[in-house]
Amino acid sequence: MDAGRVDGIGGAECEKIVSPLKYTAGASPTMNDQYAALITELDPRISLDEAQELIASGQIKEQVQGTVMSQGAPASADSVLFLLTGKFEVFVTLEGKDVVVGKLNPGNFLGAEAVLGRPRNASVRTSGPSVVLEWSLLAFRNLLRHSPSLSEKILEQSLPPAVGGAKT
């Protein structure tokens, strides 16, 4: 992917997404720079350098409404996503009908538990136009190995708390 180009999104569309973010005067940020700034807004624990590392190792993709981002059981995960913009609903299929069981917002990782070999137990789809950062499972594992501090932040946000150790 070329710097400054995002699959399916041009400059004007991205400006709408990241317009509240502030940039250094005189600088002409690339699309990747703008998404890196957005990542730090969505998860302040992630530094700008770490956000740029996340983008460099993944691929930014625009999704239309109704796109199934993650297929639930019995599928196993083959990618990990960071939700950048849009709305997402978590659903399960019961007796042939989709039942929405939750919502996800930008700033959430999706599928990070796959690095532990855990299968997905629900599906996720977009409920409006959305942008995600996607990694293959191999690229995500390499990212976690390369950056222990980033690894800790991602897994802390992605995995449920231990029994009795839930945050309040």
N, C-alpha and C. Protein backbone atom coordinates (compact mmCIF):
# COMPACT_ATOMS: atom_id res chain seq x y z
N MET A 1 0.85 -1.17 0.00
CA MET A 1 0.00 0.00 0.00
C MET A 1 0.89 1.23 0.00
N ASP A 2 0.54 2.20 -0.82
CA ASP A 2 1.31 3.43 -0.89
C ASP A 2 1.03 4.28 0.33
N ALA A 3 2.08 4.96 0.81
CA ALA A 3 1.87 5.91 1.90
C ALA A 3 0.92 6.98 1.40
N GLY A 4 -0.01 7.38 2.21
CA GLY A 4 -0.95 8.40 1.81
C GLY A 4 -2.14 7.87 1.06
N ARG A 5 -2.24 6.59 0.87
CA ARG A 5 -3.37 5.99 0.17
C ARG A 5 -3.95 4.88 1.04
N VAL A 6 -5.22 4.89 1.22
CA VAL A 6 -5.92 3.88 2.00
C VAL A 6 -6.89 3.20 1.07
N ASP A 7 -6.97 1.86 1.13
CA ASP A 7 -7.89 1.13 0.26
C ASP A 7 -9.28 1.72 0.34
N GLY A 8 -9.77 2.26 -0.79
CA GLY A 8 -11.14 2.73 -0.87
C GLY A 8 -11.41 4.10 -0.27
N ILE A 9 -10.42 4.75 0.27
CA ILE A 9 -10.65 6.06 0.88
C ILE A 9 -9.65 7.05 0.33
N GLY A 10 -10.14 8.20 -0.09
CA GLY A 10 -9.29 9.28 -0.54
C GLY A 10 -9.12 10.31 0.55
N GLY A 11 -8.39 11.36 0.26
CA GLY A 11 -8.09 12.37 1.25
C GLY A 11 -9.30 13.03 1.88
N ALA A 12 -10.30 13.39 1.06
CA ALA A 12 -11.48 14.08 1.60
C ALA A 12 -12.24 13.18 2.57
N GLU A 13 -12.38 11.90 2.21
CA GLU A 13 -13.10 10.99 3.09
C GLU A 13 -12.37 10.80 4.41
N CYS A 14 -11.06 10.68 4.37
CA CYS A 14 -10.29 10.51 5.60
C CYS A 14 -10.37 11.77 6.45
N GLU A 15 -10.36 12.94 5.82
CA GLU A 15 -10.45 14.18 6.57
C GLU A 15 -11.72 14.20 7.41
N LYS A 16 -12.83 13.67 6.88
CA LYS A 16 -14.07 13.60 7.63
C LYS A 16 -13.91 12.72 8.86
N ILE A 17 -13.14 11.66 8.71
CA ILE A 17 -12.95 10.69 9.79
C ILE A 17 -12.06 11.25 10.88
N VAL A 18 -10.98 11.91 10.50
CA VAL A 18 -9.99 12.33 11.48
C VAL A 18 -9.94 13.85 11.66
N SER A 19 -10.97 14.57 11.21
CA SER A 19 -10.93 16.02 11.28
C SER A 19 -10.72 16.58 12.67
N PRO A 20 -11.19 15.92 13.75
CA PRO A 20 -10.95 16.51 15.06
C PRO A 20 -9.50 16.44 15.52
N LEU A 21 -8.67 15.65 14.84
CA LEU A 21 -7.29 15.50 15.28
C LEU A 21 -6.47 16.71 14.87
N LYS A 22 -5.47 17.02 15.66
CA LYS A 22 -4.63 18.18 15.39
C LYS A 22 -3.26 17.71 14.90
N TYR A 23 -2.68 18.48 13.97
CA TYR A 23 -1.39 18.14 13.39
C TYR A 23 -0.44 19.31 13.52
N THR A 24 0.85 19.02 13.39
CA THR A 24 1.87 20.05 13.46
C THR A 24 1.67 21.05 12.33
N ALA A 25 1.70 22.33 12.65
CA ALA A 25 1.52 23.37 11.64
C ALA A 25 2.57 23.23 10.56
N GLY A 26 2.14 23.36 9.31
CA GLY A 26 3.07 23.29 8.19
C GLY A 26 3.33 21.88 7.71
N ALA A 27 2.96 20.90 8.50
CA ALA A 27 3.19 19.51 8.09
C ALA A 27 2.06 19.06 7.18
N SER A 28 2.37 18.18 6.28
CA SER A 28 1.35 17.60 5.41
C SER A 28 1.28 16.11 5.72
N PRO A 29 0.43 15.75 6.67
CA PRO A 29 0.41 14.35 7.10
C PRO A 29 -0.12 13.43 6.01
N THR A 30 0.47 12.25 5.91
CA THR A 30 -0.03 11.24 5.00
C THR A 30 -1.25 10.58 5.65
N MET A 31 -1.95 9.80 4.86
CA MET A 31 -3.10 9.07 5.41
C MET A 31 -2.64 8.20 6.58
N ASN A 32 -1.49 7.54 6.43
CA ASN A 32 -1.00 6.69 7.52
C ASN A 32 -0.72 7.50 8.78
N ASP A 33 -0.18 8.71 8.62
CA ASP A 33 0.06 9.58 9.77
C ASP A 33 -1.26 9.94 10.45
N GLN A 34 -2.27 10.21 9.63
CA GLN A 34 -3.58 10.56 10.18
C GLN A 34 -4.19 9.38 10.93
N TYR A 35 -4.07 8.19 10.38
CA TYR A 35 -4.60 7.02 11.07
C TYR A 35 -3.79 6.71 12.33
N ALA A 36 -2.48 6.96 12.30
CA ALA A 36 -1.67 6.76 13.51
C ALA A 36 -2.14 7.70 14.62
N ALA A 37 -2.43 8.94 14.26
CA ALA A 37 -2.94 9.90 15.25
C ALA A 37 -4.30 9.44 15.77
N LEU A 38 -5.13 8.91 14.89
CA LEU A 38 -6.44 8.41 15.31
C LEU A 38 -6.29 7.25 16.29
N ILE A 39 -5.35 6.35 16.04
CA ILE A 39 -5.13 5.21 16.94
C ILE A 39 -4.77 5.71 18.34
N THR A 40 -3.92 6.73 18.42
CA THR A 40 -3.53 7.25 19.74
C THR A 40 -4.70 7.94 20.43
N GLU A 41 -5.63 8.50 19.65
CA GLU A 41 -6.84 9.09 20.23
C GLU A 41 -7.76 7.99 20.76
N LEU A 42 -7.87 6.90 20.02
CA LEU A 42 -8.75 5.80 20.41
C LEU A 42 -8.21 5.02 21.61
N ASP A 43 -6.91 4.88 21.69
CA ASP A 43 -6.28 4.15 22.80
C ASP A 43 -5.05 4.93 23.25
N PRO A 44 -5.21 5.85 24.21
CA PRO A 44 -4.10 6.70 24.64
C PRO A 44 -2.89 5.96 25.19
N ARG A 45 -3.04 4.68 25.52
CA ARG A 45 -1.89 3.90 26.01
C ARG A 45 -0.91 3.61 24.88
N ILE A 46 -1.36 3.72 23.63
CA ILE A 46 -0.51 3.44 22.47
C ILE A 46 0.13 4.75 22.02
N SER A 47 1.46 4.76 21.98
CA SER A 47 2.19 5.96 21.56
C SER A 47 2.09 6.14 20.05
N LEU A 48 2.45 7.31 19.56
CA LEU A 48 2.43 7.58 18.13
C LEU A 48 3.39 6.65 17.39
N ASP A 49 4.58 6.42 17.95
CA ASP A 49 5.53 5.49 17.32
C ASP A 49 4.95 4.08 17.25
N GLU A 50 4.30 3.65 18.31
CA GLU A 50 3.68 2.32 18.31
C GLU A 50 2.55 2.24 17.30
N ALA A 51 1.77 3.32 17.20
CA ALA A 51 0.68 3.35 16.22
C ALA A 51 1.23 3.25 14.80
N GLN A 52 2.33 3.94 14.54
CA GLN A 52 2.95 3.86 13.22
C GLN A 52 3.47 2.45 12.95
N GLU A 53 3.97 1.80 13.97
CA GLU A 53 4.43 0.41 13.84
C GLU A 53 3.26 -0.52 13.53
N LEU A 54 2.12 -0.30 14.19
CA LEU A 54 0.92 -1.08 13.92
C LEU A 54 0.51 -0.95 12.46
N ILE A 55 0.49 0.26 11.96
CA ILE A 55 0.08 0.51 10.58
C ILE A 55 1.06 -0.09 9.59
N ALA A 56 2.36 0.06 9.87
CA ALA A 56 3.37 -0.47 8.95
C ALA A 56 3.30 -1.98 8.80
N SER A 57 2.82 -2.66 9.83
CA SER A 57 2.79 -4.13 9.76
C SER A 57 1.43 -4.67 9.34
N GLY A 58 0.46 -3.79 9.10
CA GLY A 58 -0.88 -4.23 8.71
C GLY A 58 -1.36 -3.57 7.45
N GLN A 59 -2.66 -3.62 7.23
CA GLN A 59 -3.26 -3.03 6.05
C GLN A 59 -4.58 -2.35 6.44
N ILE A 60 -4.74 -1.09 6.02
CA ILE A 60 -5.96 -0.35 6.31
C ILE A 60 -6.98 -0.67 5.23
N LYS A 61 -8.20 -1.00 5.67
CA LYS A 61 -9.26 -1.37 4.73
C LYS A 61 -10.56 -0.67 5.08
N GLU A 62 -11.26 -0.22 4.05
CA GLU A 62 -12.60 0.34 4.22
C GLU A 62 -13.60 -0.78 4.01
N GLN A 63 -14.63 -0.80 4.85
CA GLN A 63 -15.67 -1.82 4.76
C GLN A 63 -17.03 -1.15 4.60
N VAL A 64 -17.91 -1.78 3.83
CA VAL A 64 -19.27 -1.26 3.67
C VAL A 64 -20.17 -1.89 4.72
N GLN A 65 -21.34 -1.30 4.90
CA GLN A 65 -22.31 -1.82 5.87
C GLN A 65 -22.64 -3.27 5.55
N GLY A 66 -22.71 -4.09 6.61
CA GLY A 66 -23.08 -5.48 6.48
C GLY A 66 -21.93 -6.43 6.22
N THR A 67 -20.71 -5.91 6.12
CA THR A 67 -19.54 -6.77 5.90
C THR A 67 -19.28 -7.60 7.14
N VAL A 68 -19.21 -8.92 6.98
CA VAL A 68 -18.87 -9.79 8.11
C VAL A 68 -17.35 -9.74 8.27
N MET A 69 -16.91 -9.19 9.39
CA MET A 69 -15.48 -9.00 9.65
C MET A 69 -14.85 -10.22 10.29
N SER A 70 -15.64 -10.99 10.99
CA SER A 70 -15.14 -12.13 11.73
C SER A 70 -16.25 -13.16 11.78
N GLN A 71 -15.93 -14.35 11.34
CA GLN A 71 -16.92 -15.42 11.34
C GLN A 71 -16.76 -16.23 12.62
N GLY A 72 -17.86 -16.47 13.30
CA GLY A 72 -17.82 -17.19 14.57
C GLY A 72 -17.61 -18.67 14.42
N ALA A 73 -17.82 -19.39 15.52
CA ALA A 73 -17.59 -20.83 15.60
C ALA A 73 -18.27 -21.52 14.43
N PRO A 74 -17.66 -22.53 13.87
CA PRO A 74 -16.43 -23.18 14.31
C PRO A 74 -15.17 -22.61 13.68
N ALA A 75 -15.27 -21.44 13.04
CA ALA A 75 -14.12 -20.88 12.34
C ALA A 75 -13.02 -20.49 13.31
N SER A 76 -11.79 -20.67 12.86
CA SER A 76 -10.66 -20.19 13.65
C SER A 76 -10.18 -18.90 13.00
N ALA A 77 -9.56 -18.06 13.77
CA ALA A 77 -9.14 -16.75 13.29
C ALA A 77 -7.93 -16.87 12.37
N ASP A 78 -7.95 -16.11 11.29
CA ASP A 78 -6.79 -16.04 10.41
C ASP A 78 -6.28 -14.61 10.29
N SER A 79 -6.95 -13.68 10.99
CA SER A 79 -6.49 -12.30 10.99
C SER A 79 -6.92 -11.63 12.29
N VAL A 80 -6.30 -10.49 12.55
CA VAL A 80 -6.61 -9.67 13.72
C VAL A 80 -6.93 -8.28 13.20
N LEU A 81 -7.94 -7.64 13.79
CA LEU A 81 -8.38 -6.32 13.35
C LEU A 81 -8.33 -5.31 14.49
N PHE A 82 -8.05 -4.07 14.14
CA PHE A 82 -8.22 -2.93 15.04
C PHE A 82 -9.29 -2.06 14.41
N LEU A 83 -10.35 -1.79 15.13
CA LEU A 83 -11.48 -1.04 14.61
C LEU A 83 -11.16 0.46 14.68
N LEU A 84 -11.05 1.09 13.52
CA LEU A 84 -10.67 2.51 13.46
C LEU A 84 -11.88 3.44 13.44
N THR A 85 -12.82 3.20 12.55
CA THR A 85 -14.01 4.05 12.48
C THR A 85 -15.22 3.18 12.17
N GLY A 86 -16.39 3.66 12.51
CA GLY A 86 -17.62 2.97 12.17
C GLY A 86 -18.27 2.32 13.36
N LYS A 87 -19.26 1.48 13.06
CA LYS A 87 -20.00 0.76 14.08
C LYS A 87 -19.99 -0.72 13.74
N PHE A 88 -19.96 -1.54 14.77
CA PHE A 88 -19.82 -2.98 14.60
C PHE A 88 -20.78 -3.68 15.55
N GLU A 89 -21.39 -4.77 15.09
CA GLU A 89 -22.26 -5.55 15.96
C GLU A 89 -21.77 -6.98 16.04
N VAL A 90 -21.84 -7.52 17.24
CA VAL A 90 -21.45 -8.90 17.51
C VAL A 90 -22.72 -9.73 17.48
N PHE A 91 -22.68 -10.86 16.75
CA PHE A 91 -23.88 -11.67 16.65
C PHE A 91 -23.54 -13.15 16.64
N VAL A 92 -24.51 -13.95 17.00
CA VAL A 92 -24.44 -15.40 16.90
C VAL A 92 -25.62 -15.85 16.05
N THR A 93 -25.49 -17.00 15.43
CA THR A 93 -26.58 -17.53 14.63
C THR A 93 -27.23 -18.67 15.42
N LEU A 94 -28.50 -18.49 15.73
CA LEU A 94 -29.27 -19.49 16.46
C LEU A 94 -30.48 -19.88 15.61
N GLU A 95 -30.60 -21.17 15.37
CA GLU A 95 -31.72 -21.69 14.58
C GLU A 95 -31.87 -20.94 13.27
N GLY A 96 -30.73 -20.65 12.62
CA GLY A 96 -30.73 -20.01 11.32
C GLY A 96 -30.95 -18.51 11.32
N LYS A 97 -31.05 -17.89 12.49
CA LYS A 97 -31.28 -16.45 12.58
C LYS A 97 -30.13 -15.79 13.34
N ASP A 98 -29.73 -14.61 12.84
CA ASP A 98 -28.69 -13.85 13.51
C ASP A 98 -29.28 -13.12 14.71
N VAL A 99 -28.61 -13.27 15.87
CA VAL A 99 -29.03 -12.60 17.09
C VAL A 99 -27.88 -11.70 17.55
N VAL A 100 -28.13 -10.39 17.57
CA VAL A 100 -27.11 -9.43 18.00
C VAL A 100 -26.96 -9.55 19.51
N VAL A 101 -25.71 -9.77 19.97
CA VAL A 101 -25.44 -9.94 21.40
C VAL A 101 -24.57 -8.83 21.97
N GLY A 102 -24.13 -7.91 21.11
CA GLY A 102 -23.31 -6.82 21.61
C GLY A 102 -22.86 -5.90 20.49
N LYS A 103 -22.20 -4.84 20.89
CA LYS A 103 -21.68 -3.84 19.95
C LYS A 103 -20.21 -3.61 20.26
N LEU A 104 -19.45 -3.28 19.23
CA LEU A 104 -18.05 -2.90 19.40
C LEU A 104 -17.87 -1.50 18.83
N ASN A 105 -16.98 -0.76 19.42
CA ASN A 105 -16.70 0.60 19.00
C ASN A 105 -15.29 0.71 18.45
N PRO A 106 -15.01 1.77 17.71
CA PRO A 106 -13.63 2.01 17.31
C PRO A 106 -12.72 2.00 18.53
N GLY A 107 -11.50 1.50 18.33
CA GLY A 107 -10.54 1.40 19.42
C GLY A 107 -10.43 -0.01 19.97
N ASN A 108 -11.28 -0.91 19.52
CA ASN A 108 -11.23 -2.30 19.97
C ASN A 108 -10.43 -3.15 19.00
N PHE A 109 -9.70 -4.11 19.56
CA PHE A 109 -9.06 -5.15 18.76
C PHE A 109 -10.04 -6.29 18.63
N LEU A 110 -9.99 -6.96 17.51
CA LEU A 110 -10.88 -8.09 17.24
C LEU A 110 -10.04 -9.26 16.76
N GLY A 111 -10.11 -10.37 17.47
CA GLY A 111 -9.40 -11.57 17.05
C GLY A 111 -8.03 -11.75 17.66
N ALA A 112 -7.63 -10.88 18.59
CA ALA A 112 -6.29 -10.99 19.19
C ALA A 112 -6.13 -12.29 19.96
N GLU A 113 -7.24 -12.86 20.45
CA GLU A 113 -7.15 -14.13 21.17
C GLU A 113 -6.68 -15.26 20.27
N ALA A 114 -6.70 -15.03 18.96
CA ALA A 114 -6.25 -16.05 18.01
C ALA A 114 -4.78 -16.40 18.19
N VAL A 115 -3.98 -15.46 18.71
CA VAL A 115 -2.56 -15.76 18.92
C VAL A 115 -2.38 -16.86 19.95
N LEU A 116 -3.42 -17.08 20.77
CA LEU A 116 -3.39 -18.14 21.77
C LEU A 116 -4.04 -19.42 21.24
N GLY A 117 -4.46 -19.39 19.97
CA GLY A 117 -5.09 -20.56 19.37
C GLY A 117 -6.55 -20.73 19.71
N ARG A 118 -7.16 -19.70 20.27
CA ARG A 118 -8.58 -19.78 20.64
C ARG A 118 -9.46 -19.54 19.43
N PRO A 119 -10.47 -20.38 19.22
CA PRO A 119 -11.39 -20.14 18.10
C PRO A 119 -12.34 -19.00 18.45
N ARG A 120 -12.92 -18.42 17.42
CA ARG A 120 -13.91 -17.36 17.63
C ARG A 120 -15.23 -18.00 18.04
N ASN A 121 -15.97 -17.33 18.91
CA ASN A 121 -17.24 -17.89 19.35
C ASN A 121 -18.44 -17.03 18.95
N ALA A 122 -18.19 -15.95 18.22
CA ALA A 122 -19.26 -15.09 17.71
C ALA A 122 -18.75 -14.46 16.42
N SER A 123 -19.67 -13.85 15.69
CA SER A 123 -19.31 -13.15 14.46
C SER A 123 -19.46 -11.66 14.67
N VAL A 124 -18.77 -10.88 13.85
CA VAL A 124 -18.84 -9.42 13.91
C VAL A 124 -19.07 -8.90 12.50
N ARG A 125 -19.99 -7.94 12.38
CA ARG A 125 -20.22 -7.31 11.08
C ARG A 125 -20.34 -5.81 11.28
N THR A 126 -20.09 -5.09 10.20
CA THR A 126 -20.23 -3.64 10.24
C THR A 126 -21.71 -3.29 10.20
N SER A 127 -22.08 -2.25 10.93
CA SER A 127 -23.46 -1.78 10.88
C SER A 127 -23.50 -0.40 10.24
N GLY A 128 -22.45 -0.07 9.52
CA GLY A 128 -22.33 1.17 8.76
C GLY A 128 -20.96 1.18 8.11
N PRO A 129 -20.68 2.16 7.26
CA PRO A 129 -19.35 2.25 6.66
C PRO A 129 -18.29 2.29 7.75
N SER A 130 -17.21 1.55 7.57
CA SER A 130 -16.20 1.40 8.62
C SER A 130 -14.81 1.31 8.01
N VAL A 131 -13.81 1.59 8.84
CA VAL A 131 -12.41 1.43 8.46
C VAL A 131 -11.74 0.61 9.55
N VAL A 132 -10.95 -0.39 9.12
CA VAL A 132 -10.24 -1.25 10.06
C VAL A 132 -8.77 -1.35 9.65
N LEU A 133 -7.95 -1.69 10.60
CA LEU A 133 -6.55 -2.03 10.37
C LEU A 133 -6.46 -3.53 10.57
N GLU A 134 -5.98 -4.25 9.55
CA GLU A 134 -5.98 -5.71 9.58
C GLU A 134 -4.57 -6.26 9.45
N TRP A 135 -4.30 -7.33 10.22
CA TRP A 135 -3.04 -8.05 10.13
C TRP A 135 -3.34 -9.52 9.88
N SER A 136 -2.49 -10.18 9.11
CA SER A 136 -2.57 -11.63 9.06
C SER A 136 -2.14 -12.13 10.44
N LEU A 137 -2.52 -13.34 10.77
CA LEU A 137 -2.16 -13.89 12.08
C LEU A 137 -0.64 -13.93 12.24
N LEU A 138 0.07 -14.29 11.19
CA LEU A 138 1.53 -14.34 11.24
C LEU A 138 2.12 -12.95 11.47
N ALA A 139 1.64 -11.95 10.74
CA ALA A 139 2.15 -10.58 10.91
C ALA A 139 1.88 -10.07 12.32
N PHE A 140 0.70 -10.40 12.86
CA PHE A 140 0.36 -9.95 14.20
C PHE A 140 1.25 -10.62 15.24
N ARG A 141 1.50 -11.92 15.08
CA ARG A 141 2.40 -12.61 16.02
C ARG A 141 3.80 -12.00 15.97
N ASN A 142 4.28 -11.69 14.77
CA ASN A 142 5.60 -11.07 14.64
C ASN A 142 5.63 -9.70 15.30
N LEU A 143 4.54 -8.94 15.16
CA LEU A 143 4.45 -7.64 15.80
C LEU A 143 4.53 -7.77 17.31
N LEU A 144 3.81 -8.73 17.87
CA LEU A 144 3.82 -8.94 19.32
C LEU A 144 5.20 -9.37 19.82
N ARG A 145 5.89 -10.21 19.06
CA ARG A 145 7.24 -10.64 19.45
C ARG A 145 8.23 -9.49 19.41
N HIS A 146 8.08 -8.63 18.42
CA HIS A 146 9.02 -7.53 18.21
C HIS A 146 8.86 -6.42 19.25
N SER A 147 7.65 -6.23 19.75
CA SER A 147 7.38 -5.12 20.66
C SER A 147 6.66 -5.60 21.91
N PRO A 148 7.40 -6.03 22.93
CA PRO A 148 6.76 -6.52 24.16
C PRO A 148 5.84 -5.50 24.83
N SER A 149 6.20 -4.21 24.84
CA SER A 149 5.33 -3.23 25.50
C SER A 149 4.02 -3.06 24.73
N LEU A 150 4.09 -3.06 23.41
CA LEU A 150 2.88 -2.97 22.60
C LEU A 150 2.06 -4.25 22.75
N SER A 151 2.73 -5.36 22.81
CA SER A 151 2.07 -6.65 23.01
C SER A 151 1.24 -6.65 24.28
N GLU A 152 1.83 -6.15 25.35
CA GLU A 152 1.13 -6.10 26.64
C GLU A 152 -0.12 -5.23 26.55
N LYS A 153 0.00 -4.07 25.90
CA LYS A 153 -1.14 -3.16 25.77
C LYS A 153 -2.26 -3.79 24.96
N ILE A 154 -1.91 -4.45 23.87
CA ILE A 154 -2.92 -5.06 23.00
C ILE A 154 -3.62 -6.20 23.72
N LEU A 155 -2.85 -7.08 24.31
CA LEU A 155 -3.46 -8.24 24.96
C LEU A 155 -4.27 -7.83 26.20
N GLU A 156 -3.82 -6.81 26.91
CA GLU A 156 -4.57 -6.32 28.07
C GLU A 156 -5.95 -5.81 27.65
N GLN A 157 -5.98 -5.14 26.51
CA GLN A 157 -7.25 -4.58 26.03
C GLN A 157 -8.12 -5.66 25.39
N SER A 158 -7.51 -6.70 24.82
CA SER A 158 -8.24 -7.68 24.03
C SER A 158 -8.78 -8.87 24.80
N LEU A 159 -8.06 -9.29 25.81
CA LEU A 159 -8.44 -10.50 26.52
C LEU A 159 -9.26 -10.18 27.76
N PRO A 160 -10.22 -11.03 28.08
CA PRO A 160 -11.03 -10.77 29.28
C PRO A 160 -10.16 -10.87 30.52
N PRO A 161 -10.52 -10.12 31.57
CA PRO A 161 -9.76 -10.18 32.81
C PRO A 161 -9.87 -11.55 33.45
N ALA A 162 -8.89 -11.89 34.25
CA ALA A 162 -8.91 -13.17 34.99
C ALA A 162 -10.05 -13.16 36.00
N VAL A 163 -10.55 -14.32 36.32
CA VAL A 163 -11.61 -14.42 37.30
C VAL A 163 -11.13 -13.82 38.62
N GLY A 164 -11.94 -12.96 39.18
CA GLY A 164 -11.57 -12.31 40.45
C GLY A 164 -10.66 -11.13 40.26
N GLY A 165 -10.16 -10.91 39.03
CA GLY A 165 -9.25 -9.80 38.80
C GLY A 165 -9.84 -8.75 37.90
N ALA A 166 -11.14 -8.74 37.78
CA ALA A 166 -11.80 -7.79 36.87
C ALA A 166 -11.55 -6.37 37.33
N LYS A 167 -11.34 -5.49 36.34
CA LYS A 167 -11.15 -4.07 36.63
C LYS A 167 -12.50 -3.44 36.88
N THR A 168 -12.53 -2.46 37.78
CA THR A 168 -13.79 -1.76 38.07
C THR A 168 -13.65 -0.31 37.72
